[in-house]
Amino acid sequence: MTSRSASTSQERPFYAQYAWAYDHLIDDSPEPWAAAVHDRLVRAGFPRAAVLDAGCGTGRHAAALAARGHEVDLADASKELLRQAALRCPSARALHVDLCSFRPESLYQAVVCRGVLNDMTTDDERDAVLRAFAASLRAGGLVVLDVREEAGSRGRANGTPHRRTVDLHGRGRLTFTSTSTWNADLLLVREEYELDLDGEPSRQSTYEFAMRPWSGTELRQRLARAGFTDVEIAPGVGRRTDDRLFVTAARA
């Protein structure tokens, strides 16, 4: 692992020591996203596609695509998240990789990437990951992205703490607090974790990191530079806020 984004994926408590609780904290349905991706693949002539889920997390969206008949490989820089995904999708290949330098053994008809590209904060990483996606696709294959939209993300980064507490099946509770601010085109995030398990002392930790949202102009320019055409940008799908984009493009 060499990129900063891959290092963050291995260090961030949300993706590391609390990967087992990820689905308790993020419980939005994968179905709207999977349906939108499937529809786009069908329109492109890939009703049963070989798909790379780049940044698969716990595998919920990969499982939803597999249920629609697609053959999905799992890829993530977090070993802990990838382990959860492999348990959910036991027939899928699980690849522990840095997406910025990934080179597949065989080519795919689609690469899907939901949320992860926001973690690429440098120009070099952004170009590298899109080149890696292009190199993973057959000619005419699709990339389908979910990214944070720049203007909407800036508007929501007002320093207000967002807190959520989840019950851990009667064993205790986990409280997760996220606070975002904006500085120099970056979304600065502070996360706080408080784990209270029955019969054990409370465990508290914090983590700070940066994300870099995307504009439509940047998406079009970088995708074209990486070898993609027919870029389509629409509002996010399956998200609870309006600061996301649903992006598709074809490998030239």
C-alpha atoms as a PDB file:
ATOM      1  CA  MET A   1       0.000   0.000   0.000  1.00  0.00           C
ATOM      2  CA  THR A   2       1.563   3.291  -1.074  1.00  0.00           C
ATOM      3  CA  SER A   3      -1.078   6.002  -1.529  1.00  0.00           C
ATOM      4  CA  ARG A   4      -2.220   8.273   1.283  1.00  0.00           C
ATOM      5  CA  SER A   5      -5.828   7.263   0.695  1.00  0.00           C
ATOM      6  CA  ALA A   6      -4.958   3.578   1.168  1.00  0.00           C
ATOM      7  CA  SER A   7      -3.150   4.403   4.400  1.00  0.00           C
ATOM      8  CA  THR A   8      -6.206   6.272   5.656  1.00  0.00           C
ATOM      9  CA  SER A   9      -8.380   3.253   4.836  1.00  0.00           C
ATOM     10  CA  GLN A  10      -6.175   1.090   7.037  1.00  0.00           C
ATOM     11  CA  GLU A  11      -5.937   3.606   9.907  1.00  0.00           C
ATOM     12  CA  ARG A  12      -9.428   5.112  10.143  1.00  0.00           C
ATOM     13  CA  PRO A  13     -11.253   3.448  13.061  1.00  0.00           C
ATOM     14  CA  PHE A  14     -14.483   3.350  11.035  1.00  0.00           C
ATOM     15  CA  TYR A  15     -12.700   1.041   8.577  1.00  0.00           C
ATOM     16  CA  ALA A  16     -10.364  -0.737  10.991  1.00  0.00           C
ATOM     17  CA  GLN A  17     -11.220  -1.591  14.612  1.00  0.00           C
ATOM     18  CA  TYR A  18     -14.916  -0.748  14.113  1.00  0.00           C
ATOM     19  CA  ALA A  19     -15.359  -2.419  10.739  1.00  0.00           C
ATOM     20  CA  TRP A  20     -17.498  -5.025  12.481  1.00  0.00           C
ATOM     21  CA  ALA A  21     -19.945  -2.237  13.443  1.00  0.00           C
ATOM     22  CA  TYR A  22     -19.982  -0.494  10.046  1.00  0.00           C
ATOM     23  CA  ASP A  23     -23.344  -1.903   8.999  1.00  0.00           C
ATOM     24  CA  HIS A  24     -24.897  -0.789  12.288  1.00  0.00           C
ATOM     25  CA  LEU A  25     -23.871   2.811  11.608  1.00  0.00           C
ATOM     26  CA  ILE A  26     -24.465   2.906   7.845  1.00  0.00           C
ATOM     27  CA  ASP A  27     -27.748   1.125   7.265  1.00  0.00           C
ATOM     28  CA  ASP A  28     -29.110   2.816   4.133  1.00  0.00           C
ATOM     29  CA  SER A  29     -30.434   0.288   1.643  1.00  0.00           C
ATOM     30  CA  PRO A  30     -28.067  -0.765  -1.164  1.00  0.00           C
ATOM     31  CA  GLU A  31     -31.014  -1.435  -3.460  1.00  0.00           C
ATOM     32  CA  PRO A  32     -31.434   2.019  -5.108  1.00  0.00           C
ATOM     33  CA  TRP A  33     -27.741   2.135  -6.054  1.00  0.00           C
ATOM     34  CA  ALA A  34     -27.680  -1.483  -7.264  1.00  0.00           C
ATOM     35  CA  ALA A  35     -30.836  -0.931  -9.316  1.00  0.00           C
ATOM     36  CA  ALA A  36     -29.390   2.205 -10.936  1.00  0.00           C
ATOM     37  CA  VAL A  37     -26.090   0.466 -11.735  1.00  0.00           C
ATOM     38  CA  HIS A  38     -27.871  -2.593 -13.107  1.00  0.00           C
ATOM     39  CA  ASP A  39     -30.088  -0.436 -15.314  1.00  0.00           C
ATOM     40  CA  ARG A  40     -27.044   1.357 -16.708  1.00  0.00           C
ATOM     41  CA  LEU A  41     -25.245  -1.931 -17.372  1.00  0.00           C
ATOM     42  CA  VAL A  42     -28.268  -3.375 -19.152  1.00  0.00           C
ATOM     43  CA  ARG A  43     -28.507  -0.283 -21.363  1.00  0.00           C
ATOM     44  CA  ALA A  44     -24.820  -0.714 -22.208  1.00  0.00           C
ATOM     45  CA  GLY A  45     -25.396  -4.341 -23.239  1.00  0.00           C
ATOM     46  CA  PHE A  46     -24.010  -5.954 -20.051  1.00  0.00           C
ATOM     47  CA  PRO A  47     -26.986  -7.638 -18.329  1.00  0.00           C
ATOM     48  CA  ARG A  48     -24.609 -10.136 -16.680  1.00  0.00           C
ATOM     49  CA  ALA A  49     -21.379  -8.217 -16.253  1.00  0.00           C
ATOM     50  CA  ALA A  50     -17.983  -8.991 -14.772  1.00  0.00           C
ATOM     51  CA  VAL A  51     -17.775  -6.211 -12.173  1.00  0.00           C
ATOM     52  CA  LEU A  52     -15.033  -4.899  -9.904  1.00  0.00           C
ATOM     53  CA  ASP A  53     -16.429  -3.282  -6.758  1.00  0.00           C
ATOM     54  CA  ALA A  54     -13.559  -0.889  -6.046  1.00  0.00           C
ATOM     55  CA  GLY A  55     -13.703   0.087  -2.398  1.00  0.00           C
ATOM     56  CA  CYS A  56     -16.322  -2.537  -1.596  1.00  0.00           C
ATOM     57  CA  GLY A  57     -16.617  -1.821   2.123  1.00  0.00           C
ATOM     58  CA  THR A  58     -18.608  -4.573   3.814  1.00  0.00           C
ATOM     59  CA  GLY A  59     -19.927  -5.881   0.503  1.00  0.00           C
ATOM     60  CA  ARG A  60     -23.581  -4.842   0.781  1.00  0.00           C
ATOM     61  CA  HIS A  61     -23.674  -3.245  -2.662  1.00  0.00           C
ATOM     62  CA  ALA A  62     -21.634  -6.055  -4.209  1.00  0.00           C
ATOM     63  CA  ALA A  63     -24.140  -8.576  -2.848  1.00  0.00           C
ATOM     64  CA  ALA A  64     -27.020  -6.581  -4.302  1.00  0.00           C
ATOM     65  CA  LEU A  65     -25.340  -6.564  -7.717  1.00  0.00           C
ATOM     66  CA  ALA A  66     -24.576 -10.283  -7.497  1.00  0.00           C
ATOM     67  CA  ALA A  67     -28.247 -10.928  -6.718  1.00  0.00           C
ATOM     68  CA  ARG A  68     -29.019  -9.311 -10.084  1.00  0.00           C
ATOM     69  CA  GLY A  69     -26.805 -11.802 -11.888  1.00  0.00           C
ATOM     70  CA  HIS A  70     -23.484  -9.957 -12.056  1.00  0.00           C
ATOM     71  CA  GLU A  71     -20.158 -11.603 -11.221  1.00  0.00           C
ATOM     72  CA  VAL A  72     -18.533  -9.257  -8.718  1.00  0.00           C
ATOM     73  CA  ASP A  73     -14.957  -9.116  -7.428  1.00  0.00           C
ATOM     74  CA  LEU A  74     -14.308  -7.309  -4.150  1.00  0.00           C
ATOM     75  CA  ALA A  75     -11.452  -4.819  -3.718  1.00  0.00           C
ATOM     76  CA  ASP A  76     -10.570  -2.654  -0.729  1.00  0.00           C
ATOM     77  CA  ALA A  77      -7.542  -1.201   1.038  1.00  0.00           C
ATOM     78  CA  SER A  78      -8.995  -2.065   4.462  1.00  0.00           C
ATOM     79  CA  LYS A  79      -8.349  -5.677   5.449  1.00  0.00           C
ATOM     80  CA  GLU A  80     -11.079  -5.527   8.065  1.00  0.00           C
ATOM     81  CA  LEU A  81     -13.782  -4.242   5.720  1.00  0.00           C
ATOM     82  CA  LEU A  82     -12.699  -6.710   3.057  1.00  0.00           C
ATOM     83  CA  ARG A  83     -13.017  -9.529   5.579  1.00  0.00           C
ATOM     84  CA  GLN A  84     -16.609  -8.491   6.258  1.00  0.00           C
ATOM     85  CA  ALA A  85     -17.326  -8.328   2.511  1.00  0.00           C
ATOM     86  CA  ALA A  86     -15.852 -11.781   1.925  1.00  0.00           C
ATOM     87  CA  LEU A  87     -18.104 -13.241   4.607  1.00  0.00           C
ATOM     88  CA  ARG A  88     -21.128 -11.644   2.937  1.00  0.00           C
ATOM     89  CA  CYS A  89     -20.067 -12.666  -0.598  1.00  0.00           C
ATOM     90  CA  PRO A  90     -18.244 -15.993  -0.118  1.00  0.00           C
ATOM     91  CA  SER A  91     -18.135 -16.822  -3.834  1.00  0.00           C
ATOM     92  CA  ALA A  92     -16.476 -13.524  -4.798  1.00  0.00           C
ATOM     93  CA  ARG A  93     -12.752 -12.943  -5.149  1.00  0.00           C
ATOM     94  CA  ALA A  94     -11.482 -10.638  -2.387  1.00  0.00           C
ATOM     95  CA  LEU A  95      -8.566  -8.398  -3.366  1.00  0.00           C
ATOM     96  CA  HIS A  96      -6.643  -6.395  -0.769  1.00  0.00           C
ATOM     97  CA  VAL A  97      -5.287  -3.585  -2.946  1.00  0.00           C
ATOM     98  CA  ASP A  98      -4.348   0.055  -3.219  1.00  0.00           C
ATOM     99  CA  LEU A  99      -6.819   1.252  -5.855  1.00  0.00           C
ATOM    100  CA  CYS A 100      -4.351   3.859  -7.129  1.00  0.00           C
ATOM    101  CA  SER A 101      -1.955   1.157  -8.313  1.00  0.00           C
ATOM    102  CA  PHE A 102      -4.317  -1.776  -8.932  1.00  0.00           C
ATOM    103  CA  ARG A 103      -3.744  -3.877 -12.042  1.00  0.00           C
ATOM    104  CA  PRO A 104      -6.174  -6.777 -12.564  1.00  0.00           C
ATOM    105  CA  GLU A 105      -5.397 -10.287 -13.728  1.00  0.00           C
ATOM    106  CA  SER A 106      -8.261 -10.045 -16.216  1.00  0.00           C
ATOM    107  CA  LEU A 107     -10.390  -7.179 -17.519  1.00  0.00           C
ATOM    108  CA  TYR A 108     -13.882  -6.247 -16.361  1.00  0.00           C
ATOM    109  CA  GLN A 109     -16.975  -4.981 -18.117  1.00  0.00           C
ATOM    110  CA  ALA A 110     -17.641  -2.548 -15.264  1.00  0.00           C
ATOM    111  CA  VAL A 111     -15.860  -0.912 -12.358  1.00  0.00           C
ATOM    112  CA  VAL A 112     -18.108   0.529  -9.656  1.00  0.00           C
ATOM    113  CA  CYS A 113     -16.787   2.787  -6.922  1.00  0.00           C
ATOM    114  CA  ARG A 114     -19.048   4.278  -4.271  1.00  0.00           C
ATOM    115  CA  GLY A 115     -17.727   7.038  -2.041  1.00  0.00           C
ATOM    116  CA  VAL A 116     -14.051   6.074  -2.068  1.00  0.00           C
ATOM    117  CA  LEU A 117     -12.822   8.658  -4.580  1.00  0.00           C
ATOM    118  CA  ASN A 118     -13.451  11.412  -2.030  1.00  0.00           C
ATOM    119  CA  ASP A 119     -10.490  10.025  -0.086  1.00  0.00           C
ATOM    120  CA  MET A 120      -8.165  10.795  -3.000  1.00  0.00           C
ATOM    121  CA  THR A 121      -7.084  14.301  -1.979  1.00  0.00           C
ATOM    122  CA  THR A 122      -4.149  14.934  -4.326  1.00  0.00           C
ATOM    123  CA  ASP A 123      -4.180  15.471  -8.087  1.00  0.00           C
ATOM    124  CA  ASP A 124      -1.736  12.591  -8.537  1.00  0.00           C
ATOM    125  CA  GLU A 125      -3.962  10.142  -6.640  1.00  0.00           C
ATOM    126  CA  ARG A 126      -7.052  11.219  -8.554  1.00  0.00           C
ATOM    127  CA  ASP A 127      -5.413  10.738 -11.927  1.00  0.00           C
ATOM    128  CA  ALA A 128      -3.812   7.471 -10.807  1.00  0.00           C
ATOM    129  CA  VAL A 129      -7.038   5.873  -9.613  1.00  0.00           C
ATOM    130  CA  LEU A 130      -8.954   6.799 -12.771  1.00  0.00           C
ATOM    131  CA  ARG A 131      -6.119   5.463 -14.927  1.00  0.00           C
ATOM    132  CA  ALA A 132      -6.216   2.256 -12.877  1.00  0.00           C
ATOM    133  CA  PHE A 133      -9.954   1.958 -13.459  1.00  0.00           C
ATOM    134  CA  ALA A 134      -9.479   2.487 -17.201  1.00  0.00           C
ATOM    135  CA  ALA A 135      -6.732  -0.156 -17.275  1.00  0.00           C
ATOM    136  CA  SER A 136      -9.118  -2.586 -15.532  1.00  0.00           C
ATOM    137  CA  LEU A 137     -11.837  -2.279 -18.187  1.00  0.00           C
ATOM    138  CA  ARG A 138     -12.412  -3.825 -21.562  1.00  0.00           C
ATOM    139  CA  ALA A 139     -12.985  -1.394 -24.431  1.00  0.00           C
ATOM    140  CA  GLY A 140     -16.515  -0.075 -24.061  1.00  0.00           C
ATOM    141  CA  GLY A 141     -16.687  -1.057 -20.399  1.00  0.00           C
ATOM    142  CA  LEU A 142     -18.295   1.262 -17.871  1.00  0.00           C
ATOM    143  CA  VAL A 143     -17.115   3.014 -14.757  1.00  0.00           C
ATOM    144  CA  VAL A 144     -19.884   3.954 -12.323  1.00  0.00           C
ATOM    145  CA  LEU A 145     -18.999   6.350  -9.515  1.00  0.00           C
ATOM    146  CA  ASP A 146     -20.607   7.896  -6.476  1.00  0.00           C
ATOM    147  CA  VAL A 147     -18.732  11.002  -5.268  1.00  0.00           C
ATOM    148  CA  ARG A 148     -19.319  13.959  -3.004  1.00  0.00           C
ATOM    149  CA  GLU A 149     -20.295  17.107  -4.904  1.00  0.00           C
ATOM    150  CA  GLU A 150     -18.132  20.102  -4.095  1.00  0.00           C
ATOM    151  CA  ALA A 151     -20.673  22.902  -3.597  1.00  0.00           C
ATOM    152  CA  GLY A 152     -23.133  20.772  -1.640  1.00  0.00           C
ATOM    153  CA  SER A 153     -20.389  19.375   0.580  1.00  0.00           C
ATOM    154  CA  ARG A 154     -19.097  22.850   1.350  1.00  0.00           C
ATOM    155  CA  GLY A 155     -22.580  23.962   2.352  1.00  0.00           C
ATOM    156  CA  ARG A 156     -23.022  21.066   4.789  1.00  0.00           C
ATOM    157  CA  ALA A 157     -19.557  21.445   6.386  1.00  0.00           C
ATOM    158  CA  ASN A 158     -20.730  23.900   9.042  1.00  0.00           C
ATOM    159  CA  GLY A 159     -19.079  22.421  12.119  1.00  0.00           C
ATOM    160  CA  THR A 160     -22.270  20.857  13.457  1.00  0.00           C
ATOM    161  CA  PRO A 161     -21.657  17.523  15.209  1.00  0.00           C
ATOM    162  CA  HIS A 162     -23.693  14.626  13.851  1.00  0.00           C
ATOM    163  CA  ARG A 163     -24.124  11.881  16.425  1.00  0.00           C
ATOM    164  CA  ARG A 164     -25.518   8.400  16.160  1.00  0.00           C
ATOM    165  CA  THR A 165     -25.788   5.703  18.805  1.00  0.00           C
ATOM    166  CA  VAL A 166     -26.494   2.117  17.853  1.00  0.00           C
ATOM    167  CA  ASP A 167     -27.407  -0.847  20.025  1.00  0.00           C
ATOM    168  CA  LEU A 168     -25.074  -3.797  19.573  1.00  0.00           C
ATOM    169  CA  HIS A 169     -27.638  -6.561  19.868  1.00  0.00           C
ATOM    170  CA  GLY A 170     -27.967  -6.088  23.608  1.00  0.00           C
ATOM    171  CA  ARG A 171     -24.206  -6.254  24.249  1.00  0.00           C
ATOM    172  CA  GLY A 172     -23.808  -2.508  24.646  1.00  0.00           C
ATOM    173  CA  ARG A 173     -23.746   0.525  22.400  1.00  0.00           C
ATOM    174  CA  LEU A 174     -21.459   2.438  20.071  1.00  0.00           C
ATOM    175  CA  THR A 175     -21.745   6.213  19.753  1.00  0.00           C
ATOM    176  CA  PHE A 176     -20.235   7.758  16.636  1.00  0.00           C
ATOM    177  CA  THR A 177     -19.903  11.526  16.225  1.00  0.00           C
ATOM    178  CA  SER A 178     -18.736  13.208  13.021  1.00  0.00           C
ATOM    179  CA  THR A 179     -17.990  16.927  12.667  1.00  0.00           C
ATOM    180  CA  SER A 180     -17.035  18.483   9.317  1.00  0.00           C
ATOM    181  CA  THR A 181     -15.587  21.854   8.393  1.00  0.00           C
ATOM    182  CA  TRP A 182     -14.324  23.283   5.096  1.00  0.00           C
ATOM    183  CA  ASN A 183     -10.874  24.671   4.326  1.00  0.00           C
ATOM    184  CA  ALA A 184      -9.030  25.203   1.031  1.00  0.00           C
ATOM    185  CA  ASP A 185     -11.237  22.865  -1.044  1.00  0.00           C
ATOM    186  CA  LEU A 186     -10.994  20.107   1.563  1.00  0.00           C
ATOM    187  CA  LEU A 187     -13.647  18.627   3.802  1.00  0.00           C
ATOM    188  CA  LEU A 188     -11.986  18.295   7.221  1.00  0.00           C
ATOM    189  CA  VAL A 189     -13.559  15.568   9.322  1.00  0.00           C
ATOM    190  CA  ARG A 190     -13.198  14.804  13.022  1.00  0.00           C
ATOM    191  CA  GLU A 191     -14.664  11.504  14.183  1.00  0.00           C
ATOM    192  CA  GLU A 192     -15.239  10.487  17.792  1.00  0.00           C
ATOM    193  CA  TYR A 193     -16.008   6.954  18.922  1.00  0.00           C
ATOM    194  CA  GLU A 194     -17.319   5.808  22.284  1.00  0.00           C
ATOM    195  CA  LEU A 195     -17.786   2.077  22.746  1.00  0.00           C
ATOM    196  CA  ASP A 196     -19.651   0.849  25.830  1.00  0.00           C
ATOM    197  CA  LEU A 197     -19.792  -2.919  26.113  1.00  0.00           C
ATOM    198  CA  ASP A 198     -21.582  -4.536  29.022  1.00  0.00           C
ATOM    199  CA  GLY A 199     -19.193  -5.253  31.854  1.00  0.00           C
ATOM    200  CA  GLU A 200     -16.229  -3.432  30.261  1.00  0.00           C
ATOM    201  CA  PRO A 201     -14.749   0.076  30.706  1.00  0.00           C
ATOM    202  CA  SER A 202     -15.842   2.648  28.104  1.00  0.00           C
ATOM    203  CA  ARG A 203     -13.426   2.998  25.182  1.00  0.00           C
ATOM    204  CA  GLN A 204     -13.027   6.381  23.510  1.00  0.00           C
ATOM    205  CA  SER A 205     -11.006   7.396  20.463  1.00  0.00           C
ATOM    206  CA  THR A 206     -10.830  10.157  17.846  1.00  0.00           C
ATOM    207  CA  TYR A 207      -9.598  10.372  14.276  1.00  0.00           C
ATOM    208  CA  GLU A 208      -9.129  13.338  11.955  1.00  0.00           C
ATOM    209  CA  PHE A 209      -8.735  13.210   8.198  1.00  0.00           C
ATOM    210  CA  ALA A 210      -9.532  15.113   5.009  1.00  0.00           C
ATOM    211  CA  MET A 211     -11.701  14.391   1.994  1.00  0.00           C
ATOM    212  CA  ARG A 212     -11.806  16.264  -1.276  1.00  0.00           C
ATOM    213  CA  PRO A 213     -15.184  16.474  -3.026  1.00  0.00           C
ATOM    214  CA  TRP A 214     -15.541  16.747  -6.814  1.00  0.00           C
ATOM    215  CA  SER A 215     -17.005  19.252  -9.237  1.00  0.00           C
ATOM    216  CA  GLY A 216     -18.624  18.256 -12.506  1.00  0.00           C
ATOM    217  CA  THR A 217     -15.918  20.074 -14.435  1.00  0.00           C
ATOM    218  CA  GLU A 218     -13.124  18.201 -12.685  1.00  0.00           C
ATOM    219  CA  LEU A 219     -14.846  14.864 -13.208  1.00  0.00           C
ATOM    220  CA  ARG A 220     -15.186  15.440 -16.934  1.00  0.00           C
ATOM    221  CA  GLN A 221     -11.603  16.613 -17.330  1.00  0.00           C
ATOM    222  CA  ARG A 222      -9.972  13.830 -15.333  1.00  0.00           C
ATOM    223  CA  LEU A 223     -12.145  11.083 -16.821  1.00  0.00           C
ATOM    224  CA  ALA A 224     -11.322  12.271 -20.339  1.00  0.00           C
ATOM    225  CA  ARG A 225      -7.622  12.384 -19.498  1.00  0.00           C
ATOM    226  CA  ALA A 226      -7.815   8.809 -18.205  1.00  0.00           C
ATOM    227  CA  GLY A 227      -9.356   7.582 -21.460  1.00  0.00           C
ATOM    228  CA  PHE A 228     -13.096   7.723 -20.781  1.00  0.00           C
ATOM    229  CA  THR A 229     -15.863   9.091 -22.998  1.00  0.00           C
ATOM    230  CA  ASP A 230     -19.630   9.612 -22.782  1.00  0.00           C
ATOM    231  CA  VAL A 231     -19.495  11.044 -19.278  1.00  0.00           C
ATOM    232  CA  GLU A 232     -22.916  11.373 -17.629  1.00  0.00           C
ATOM    233  CA  ILE A 233     -23.380  13.156 -14.297  1.00  0.00           C
ATOM    234  CA  ALA A 234     -26.632  12.969 -12.317  1.00  0.00           C
ATOM    235  CA  PRO A 235     -27.738  13.487  -8.699  1.00  0.00           C
ATOM    236  CA  GLY A 236     -26.656  10.811  -6.248  1.00  0.00           C
ATOM    237  CA  VAL A 237     -28.664   7.607  -5.898  1.00  0.00           C
ATOM    238  CA  GLY A 238     -29.593   5.970  -2.610  1.00  0.00           C
ATOM    239  CA  ARG A 239     -28.183   8.783  -0.483  1.00  0.00           C
ATOM    240  CA  ARG A 240     -29.863  10.645   2.361  1.00  0.00           C
ATOM    241  CA  THR A 241     -28.315  14.005   1.483  1.00  0.00           C
ATOM    242  CA  ASP A 242     -28.203  15.970  -1.759  1.00  0.00           C
ATOM    243  CA  ASP A 243     -24.419  16.444  -1.892  1.00  0.00           C
ATOM    244  CA  ARG A 244     -23.666  13.372  -4.027  1.00  0.00           C
ATOM    245  CA  LEU A 245     -23.241  12.678  -7.736  1.00  0.00           C
ATOM    246  CA  PHE A 246     -23.945   9.520  -9.758  1.00  0.00           C
ATOM    247  CA  VAL A 247     -21.381   9.400 -12.560  1.00  0.00           C
ATOM    248  CA  THR A 248     -20.992   7.012 -15.488  1.00  0.00           C
ATOM    249  CA  ALA A 249     -18.451   6.930 -18.313  1.00  0.00           C
ATOM    250  CA  ALA A 250     -17.323   4.481 -20.976  1.00  0.00           C
ATOM    251  CA  ARG A 251     -13.805   3.196 -21.613  1.00  0.00           C
ATOM    252  CA  ALA A 252     -12.730   4.373 -25.056  1.00  0.00           C
END
